[in-house]
N, C-alpha and C. Protein backbone atom coordinates (compact mmCIF):
# COMPACT_ATOMS: atom_id res chain seq x y z
N MET A 1 9.77 -17.56 5.61
CA MET A 1 8.29 -18.37 6.26
C MET A 1 8.76 -19.40 6.69
N THR A 2 7.60 -19.85 7.78
CA THR A 2 7.81 -21.55 7.83
C THR A 2 6.80 -21.85 7.68
N ARG A 3 6.15 -23.36 7.38
CA ARG A 3 5.76 -24.13 6.85
C ARG A 3 5.56 -25.12 7.54
N HIS A 4 4.71 -25.32 8.55
CA HIS A 4 3.93 -26.66 9.59
C HIS A 4 2.76 -27.11 8.51
N CYS A 5 2.84 -28.52 8.74
CA CYS A 5 1.72 -29.19 8.40
C CYS A 5 1.19 -30.11 9.86
N PHE A 6 -0.33 -30.27 9.43
CA PHE A 6 -0.81 -30.85 10.41
C PHE A 6 -1.45 -31.33 9.45
N GLY A 7 -1.83 -32.81 9.17
CA GLY A 7 -1.84 -33.59 8.97
C GLY A 7 -1.37 -34.24 7.72
N PRO A 8 -2.07 -34.54 6.10
CA PRO A 8 -1.44 -34.48 5.31
C PRO A 8 0.21 -33.86 4.60
N PRO A 9 1.11 -34.31 4.68
CA PRO A 9 2.54 -33.47 3.74
C PRO A 9 2.28 -32.64 3.31
N CYS A 10 3.21 -31.76 3.79
CA CYS A 10 3.44 -30.18 3.11
C CYS A 10 3.80 -30.97 1.49
N ARG A 11 3.23 -29.73 0.38
CA ARG A 11 4.07 -29.99 -0.69
C ARG A 11 4.22 -28.56 -1.32
N ALA A 12 5.95 -28.52 -1.82
CA ALA A 12 5.97 -27.41 -2.38
C ALA A 12 5.36 -27.30 -3.67
N SER A 13 5.58 -26.01 -4.24
CA SER A 13 4.48 -25.55 -4.99
C SER A 13 5.78 -24.57 -6.02
N PRO A 14 5.94 -25.22 -7.28
CA PRO A 14 7.38 -24.60 -8.16
C PRO A 14 7.07 -23.64 -9.00
N ALA A 15 6.81 -22.54 -8.07
CA ALA A 15 6.92 -20.91 -8.77
C ALA A 15 7.16 -21.03 -10.01
N ASP A 16 8.18 -21.60 -10.30
CA ASP A 16 8.83 -21.27 -12.38
C ASP A 16 8.60 -22.43 -13.16
N THR A 17 7.36 -23.30 -12.49
CA THR A 17 6.39 -23.93 -13.95
C THR A 17 5.15 -23.08 -13.70
N ARG A 18 4.56 -21.95 -13.52
CA ARG A 18 3.34 -21.52 -13.62
C ARG A 18 3.72 -20.19 -14.37
N PRO A 19 2.50 -19.97 -15.16
CA PRO A 19 2.47 -18.26 -15.31
C PRO A 19 2.12 -17.39 -14.52
N PRO A 20 2.68 -16.48 -14.73
CA PRO A 20 2.38 -15.32 -14.40
C PRO A 20 1.12 -14.80 -13.80
N ALA A 21 0.74 -14.54 -12.42
CA ALA A 21 -0.47 -14.51 -12.34
C ALA A 21 -1.40 -13.08 -12.42
N SER A 22 -0.49 -12.09 -12.54
CA SER A 22 -0.59 -10.53 -12.31
C SER A 22 -0.68 -10.17 -14.05
N GLN A 23 -1.63 -10.01 -14.34
CA GLN A 23 -1.97 -9.61 -16.31
C GLN A 23 -1.87 -8.13 -16.09
N LYS A 24 -2.01 -7.32 -15.05
CA LYS A 24 -1.89 -5.70 -14.98
C LYS A 24 -1.78 -5.41 -13.32
N GLU A 25 -1.19 -4.01 -13.44
CA GLU A 25 -0.76 -4.02 -11.92
C GLU A 25 -1.97 -3.95 -11.29
N LEU A 26 -1.72 -3.75 -10.03
CA LEU A 26 -2.36 -3.80 -8.66
C LEU A 26 -3.47 -2.45 -8.84
N PRO A 27 -4.73 -2.44 -8.18
CA PRO A 27 -5.36 -1.33 -7.96
C PRO A 27 -4.84 -0.09 -6.83
N VAL A 28 -5.35 0.78 -7.13
CA VAL A 28 -4.22 1.73 -6.53
C VAL A 28 -5.58 2.08 -5.41
N ASP A 29 -6.01 1.23 -4.58
CA ASP A 29 -7.39 1.33 -4.07
C ASP A 29 -6.06 1.69 -2.65
N PRO A 30 -6.79 2.35 -1.59
CA PRO A 30 -6.63 1.95 0.00
C PRO A 30 -5.92 1.11 0.65
N ILE A 31 -4.84 1.25 1.34
CA ILE A 31 -4.87 -0.28 1.79
C ILE A 31 -5.20 -0.11 3.73
N SER A 32 -5.61 -1.41 3.31
CA SER A 32 -6.35 -1.39 4.15
C SER A 32 -5.89 -2.42 5.29
N GLU A 33 -6.16 -2.75 6.87
CA GLU A 33 -5.12 -3.40 7.37
C GLU A 33 -6.25 -4.44 8.02
N ASN A 34 -7.38 -4.20 7.37
CA ASN A 34 -8.40 -5.83 7.51
C ASN A 34 -8.06 -6.64 6.63
N VAL A 35 -7.00 -8.10 7.33
CA VAL A 35 -7.08 -8.97 6.53
C VAL A 35 -7.15 -10.36 5.88
N GLY A 36 -8.23 -10.28 6.40
CA GLY A 36 -9.55 -11.19 6.54
C GLY A 36 -10.74 -10.89 5.79
N THR A 37 -11.51 -11.83 5.63
CA THR A 37 -12.99 -11.53 5.36
C THR A 37 -14.17 -11.31 6.52
N THR A 38 -13.36 -12.02 7.75
CA THR A 38 -14.34 -11.83 9.02
C THR A 38 -13.50 -11.78 9.92
N LEU A 39 -13.62 -11.32 10.82
CA LEU A 39 -12.62 -10.86 12.09
C LEU A 39 -13.61 -11.55 13.36
N VAL A 40 -12.96 -13.04 13.51
CA VAL A 40 -14.11 -13.07 14.68
C VAL A 40 -13.37 -13.32 15.99
N TYR A 41 -12.07 -12.54 16.40
CA TYR A 41 -11.71 -12.64 17.75
C TYR A 41 -10.26 -11.77 17.78
N SER A 42 -10.50 -10.81 18.83
CA SER A 42 -9.75 -9.86 19.43
C SER A 42 -9.04 -9.54 20.39
N ASP A 43 -7.74 -10.09 21.00
CA ASP A 43 -7.72 -8.83 22.20
C ASP A 43 -6.30 -8.38 21.94
N ALA A 44 -5.40 -7.90 23.33
CA ALA A 44 -4.18 -7.02 23.00
C ALA A 44 -2.81 -8.03 22.52
N ARG A 45 -3.84 -9.72 22.58
CA ARG A 45 -2.57 -10.24 22.24
C ARG A 45 -2.61 -10.68 20.82
N VAL A 46 -3.17 -10.87 20.12
CA VAL A 46 -3.99 -11.54 18.64
C VAL A 46 -5.29 -11.35 18.32
N ARG A 47 -5.53 -11.47 17.15
CA ARG A 47 -6.72 -10.89 16.28
C ARG A 47 -6.55 -12.45 15.48
N ILE A 48 -8.27 -12.79 15.07
CA ILE A 48 -8.47 -14.04 14.54
C ILE A 48 -9.21 -13.86 13.52
N TRP A 49 -8.76 -14.03 12.04
CA TRP A 49 -10.26 -14.18 10.94
C TRP A 49 -9.97 -15.04 10.24
N LEU A 50 -11.52 -14.76 9.41
CA LEU A 50 -11.41 -15.75 8.74
C LEU A 50 -11.05 -15.75 7.22
N LEU A 51 -10.66 -15.88 5.93
CA LEU A 51 -10.65 -15.51 4.83
C LEU A 51 -11.30 -16.95 4.16
N ASP A 52 -12.26 -15.83 3.14
CA ASP A 52 -12.91 -17.13 1.90
C ASP A 52 -12.48 -16.36 0.63
N LEU A 53 -12.44 -16.62 0.09
CA LEU A 53 -12.03 -16.24 -1.41
C LEU A 53 -12.77 -17.29 -2.53
N ALA A 54 -13.74 -16.73 -3.15
CA ALA A 54 -14.77 -17.97 -4.35
C ALA A 54 -13.45 -17.79 -4.81
N PRO A 55 -13.77 -18.71 -6.30
CA PRO A 55 -13.14 -18.72 -7.59
C PRO A 55 -12.11 -17.77 -8.17
N ARG A 56 -11.03 -17.67 -8.17
CA ARG A 56 -10.87 -16.88 -8.71
C ARG A 56 -10.73 -15.22 -8.71
N GLN A 57 -11.08 -15.65 -7.40
CA GLN A 57 -10.97 -14.16 -6.61
C GLN A 57 -9.78 -13.94 -5.67
N GLN A 58 -9.93 -12.67 -5.71
CA GLN A 58 -8.39 -12.27 -4.74
C GLN A 58 -9.17 -10.82 -3.68
N THR A 59 -8.67 -10.59 -2.69
CA THR A 59 -9.39 -10.01 -2.14
C THR A 59 -8.30 -8.60 -1.76
N HIS A 60 -8.97 -7.46 -0.96
CA HIS A 60 -8.63 -6.25 -1.54
C HIS A 60 -6.83 -6.13 -1.34
N LEU A 61 -6.58 -4.92 -1.26
CA LEU A 61 -5.15 -4.79 -1.25
C LEU A 61 -5.09 -4.22 0.25
N HIS A 62 -4.45 -4.67 0.83
CA HIS A 62 -4.22 -5.09 2.75
C HIS A 62 -2.41 -5.46 2.81
N ARG A 63 -2.59 -4.98 4.31
CA ARG A 63 -0.81 -4.58 4.64
C ARG A 63 -1.65 -5.79 6.28
N HIS A 64 0.28 -6.50 6.45
CA HIS A 64 0.17 -6.99 7.54
C HIS A 64 0.65 -6.58 8.52
N THR A 65 0.68 -5.74 9.64
CA THR A 65 1.31 -4.69 10.40
C THR A 65 1.77 -5.80 11.30
N SER A 66 1.64 -7.19 11.81
CA SER A 66 2.03 -8.13 12.96
C SER A 66 2.61 -9.11 12.47
N ASP A 67 3.62 -9.85 12.84
CA ASP A 67 3.59 -11.29 12.02
C ASP A 67 2.60 -12.20 12.50
N TYR A 68 1.93 -13.09 11.41
CA TYR A 68 0.77 -13.71 11.51
C TYR A 68 1.09 -15.20 11.30
N VAL A 69 0.28 -16.03 11.19
CA VAL A 69 0.39 -17.55 10.79
C VAL A 69 -0.92 -17.95 10.68
N TYR A 70 -0.82 -18.60 9.38
CA TYR A 70 -2.70 -18.93 8.71
C TYR A 70 -2.31 -20.35 8.30
N VAL A 71 -3.52 -20.52 9.01
CA VAL A 71 -4.37 -22.34 8.86
C VAL A 71 -4.76 -22.34 7.52
N ALA A 72 -4.70 -23.16 6.86
CA ALA A 72 -5.42 -23.42 5.53
C ALA A 72 -7.07 -24.67 6.47
N LEU A 73 -7.65 -24.04 5.79
CA LEU A 73 -9.37 -24.96 5.76
C LEU A 73 -9.97 -25.72 4.43
N THR A 74 -9.36 -25.11 3.40
CA THR A 74 -9.23 -25.68 2.61
C THR A 74 -8.17 -25.92 1.21
N PRO A 75 -7.76 -27.18 0.08
CA PRO A 75 -6.76 -26.88 -0.14
C PRO A 75 -7.09 -25.98 -1.33
N GLY A 76 -5.98 -25.74 -1.65
CA GLY A 76 -5.80 -24.48 -2.90
C GLY A 76 -4.58 -24.07 -3.34
N GLU A 77 -4.11 -23.20 -4.37
CA GLU A 77 -3.23 -22.53 -5.11
C GLU A 77 -3.71 -21.32 -5.11
N THR A 78 -2.57 -20.50 -4.32
CA THR A 78 -2.62 -19.02 -4.33
C THR A 78 -1.38 -18.17 -4.99
N VAL A 79 -2.03 -17.09 -4.96
CA VAL A 79 -0.61 -16.28 -4.92
C VAL A 79 -0.57 -14.58 -4.60
N THR A 80 0.01 -13.97 -3.91
CA THR A 80 0.37 -13.14 -2.97
C THR A 80 1.05 -12.62 -3.88
N ILE A 81 0.79 -11.39 -4.41
CA ILE A 81 1.02 -9.99 -4.92
C ILE A 81 0.93 -8.96 -4.68
N THR A 82 2.56 -8.30 -4.59
CA THR A 82 2.86 -7.56 -3.94
C THR A 82 2.87 -5.64 -4.78
N GLN A 83 2.73 -4.82 -4.06
CA GLN A 83 2.36 -3.88 -5.49
C GLN A 83 3.54 -3.71 -6.19
N ASP A 84 4.32 -3.73 -5.72
CA ASP A 84 5.90 -3.72 -6.78
C ASP A 84 5.80 -4.30 -7.93
N GLY A 85 4.77 -6.11 -7.32
CA GLY A 85 4.46 -6.85 -8.80
C GLY A 85 5.08 -7.99 -8.38
N GLY A 86 5.98 -8.23 -7.29
CA GLY A 86 6.79 -9.59 -7.02
C GLY A 86 5.66 -10.32 -6.29
N GLU A 87 5.45 -11.71 -6.92
CA GLU A 87 4.51 -12.91 -6.88
C GLU A 87 5.08 -14.02 -6.24
N THR A 88 4.45 -14.70 -4.89
CA THR A 88 4.81 -15.76 -3.92
C THR A 88 3.85 -16.79 -4.24
N HIS A 89 4.11 -17.92 -5.06
CA HIS A 89 3.08 -19.27 -5.53
C HIS A 89 3.06 -19.86 -3.93
N SER A 90 2.00 -20.34 -3.51
CA SER A 90 1.53 -21.42 -2.55
C SER A 90 0.77 -22.48 -3.28
N ALA A 91 0.91 -23.45 -2.64
CA ALA A 91 0.10 -24.47 -2.59
C ALA A 91 0.06 -25.32 -1.34
N ASP A 92 -1.68 -25.28 -0.97
CA ASP A 92 -1.92 -25.68 0.10
C ASP A 92 -2.77 -26.71 0.34
N GLU A 93 -2.45 -27.68 1.89
CA GLU A 93 -3.43 -28.60 1.80
C GLU A 93 -4.30 -28.51 3.04
N VAL A 94 -5.17 -28.86 3.56
CA VAL A 94 -6.20 -28.68 4.63
C VAL A 94 -5.39 -28.80 6.43
N GLY A 95 -5.25 -27.50 7.20
CA GLY A 95 -3.96 -28.17 8.39
C GLY A 95 -2.95 -27.70 7.91
N ASP A 96 -2.45 -27.09 6.67
CA ASP A 96 -0.83 -26.43 6.76
C ASP A 96 -1.20 -25.17 7.38
N ALA A 97 0.09 -25.11 8.07
CA ALA A 97 -0.28 -23.82 9.15
C ALA A 97 1.52 -23.04 8.42
N VAL A 98 1.31 -21.67 8.02
CA VAL A 98 2.19 -20.97 7.53
C VAL A 98 2.63 -19.96 8.05
N ARG A 99 3.72 -19.85 8.75
CA ARG A 99 4.10 -18.57 9.08
C ARG A 99 4.44 -17.14 8.45
N HIS A 100 4.28 -16.25 8.54
CA HIS A 100 5.00 -14.91 7.76
C HIS A 100 4.78 -13.72 8.64
N ARG A 101 6.45 -12.89 8.55
CA ARG A 101 6.21 -11.78 9.33
C ARG A 101 5.67 -10.66 8.50
N ALA A 102 5.71 -9.79 9.30
CA ALA A 102 4.41 -8.49 8.27
C ALA A 102 5.49 -7.95 6.99
N GLY A 103 4.68 -7.44 6.52
CA GLY A 103 5.10 -7.03 5.18
C GLY A 103 4.67 -6.02 4.35
N PRO A 104 4.90 -6.29 3.30
CA PRO A 104 4.33 -4.90 2.80
C PRO A 104 3.23 -5.02 1.71
N PRO A 105 2.40 -4.03 1.76
CA PRO A 105 0.85 -4.01 0.88
C PRO A 105 0.76 -5.64 -0.03
N HIS A 106 -0.50 -6.08 -0.19
CA HIS A 106 -0.11 -7.47 -0.79
C HIS A 106 -1.66 -7.33 -1.54
N VAL A 107 -1.98 -8.68 -2.20
CA VAL A 107 -3.16 -8.93 -2.45
C VAL A 107 -3.23 -10.35 -2.86
N LEU A 108 -4.13 -11.29 -2.22
CA LEU A 108 -3.74 -12.33 -2.21
C LEU A 108 -4.74 -13.04 -2.91
N ARG A 109 -4.60 -13.94 -4.29
CA ARG A 109 -5.50 -14.52 -5.22
C ARG A 109 -5.41 -16.18 -5.67
N ASN A 110 -6.66 -16.48 -5.40
CA ASN A 110 -7.07 -18.26 -5.60
C ASN A 110 -7.16 -17.89 -6.46
N LEU A 111 -5.92 -19.00 -7.35
CA LEU A 111 -5.59 -19.29 -8.78
C LEU A 111 -6.80 -20.69 -9.31
N THR A 112 -8.00 -21.22 -8.61
CA THR A 112 -8.09 -22.33 -8.78
C THR A 112 -9.89 -22.16 -9.17
N ASP A 113 -10.46 -23.17 -9.30
CA ASP A 113 -11.89 -23.07 -9.89
C ASP A 113 -13.00 -23.88 -8.50
N ALA A 114 -12.00 -23.42 -7.52
CA ALA A 114 -12.84 -23.97 -6.14
C ALA A 114 -12.67 -23.13 -5.36
N PRO A 115 -13.70 -23.03 -4.28
CA PRO A 115 -13.67 -21.55 -3.01
C PRO A 115 -12.54 -21.82 -2.17
N TYR A 116 -11.19 -21.35 -1.68
CA TYR A 116 -10.45 -21.46 -0.80
C TYR A 116 -10.74 -20.52 0.70
N ALA A 117 -10.03 -21.21 1.86
CA ALA A 117 -10.55 -20.50 2.85
C ALA A 117 -8.97 -21.04 3.69
N ASN A 118 -9.06 -20.13 4.80
CA ASN A 118 -8.17 -19.93 5.65
C ASN A 118 -8.47 -19.16 7.22
N VAL A 119 -7.61 -19.53 7.99
CA VAL A 119 -7.53 -18.77 9.51
C VAL A 119 -6.51 -18.41 9.65
N ILE A 120 -6.29 -16.76 9.84
CA ILE A 120 -4.88 -16.14 10.05
C ILE A 120 -5.10 -15.20 11.14
N VAL A 121 -4.16 -15.83 12.04
CA VAL A 121 -4.05 -15.29 13.48
C VAL A 121 -3.04 -14.51 13.43
N GLU A 122 -2.99 -12.93 13.37
CA GLU A 122 -2.24 -11.88 13.73
C GLU A 122 -1.94 -12.11 15.87
N LEU A 123 -0.56 -11.75 15.56
CA LEU A 123 0.83 -11.96 16.53
C LEU A 123 0.72 -10.53 16.63
N LEU A 124 -0.13 -10.14 17.66
CA LEU A 124 0.12 -8.86 18.11
C LEU A 124 0.73 -7.97 19.25
N SER A 125 1.52 -8.82 20.55
CA SER A 125 1.88 -9.02 21.07
C SER A 125 2.71 -10.12 22.26
N ARG A 126 2.85 -10.02 22.89
CA ARG A 126 3.71 -11.26 24.08
C ARG A 126 3.14 -11.13 25.29
N ASP A 127 3.15 -9.98 25.53
CA ASP A 127 3.02 -9.71 26.81
C ASP A 127 1.23 -8.67 27.02
N GLY A 128 0.94 -8.64 25.69
CA GLY A 128 -0.99 -8.20 25.79
C GLY A 128 -0.40 -6.32 26.14
N SER A 129 0.85 -5.91 25.70
CA SER A 129 0.96 -4.41 26.08
C SER A 129 0.77 -3.90 24.26
């Protein structure tokens, strides 16, 4: 994961100081490739999504089949929970940009009492093929 900040400085979130977010196993839902709430743009090179999570809400089980970058639109604390129970905590400030590689199915859970939003840019192809 590569974190770049635009605006306020990035802050690391110490995962060891937080209680486990997963109180039960993830649902056995079909795995979606819809990684956001709303698809706002798509071509051969990129797909751009808006993701909105209400307080304490989580996404459906989904998988990123391409590398991607997300940019936080709101501050927030989230946890990514993979099917095998792995957890990765994140604390985002407005403008934080984070790059991830394609990976295993997971959900993203908003850990706060405030809405959380980001823009996800899936990097499909360098040459449009």
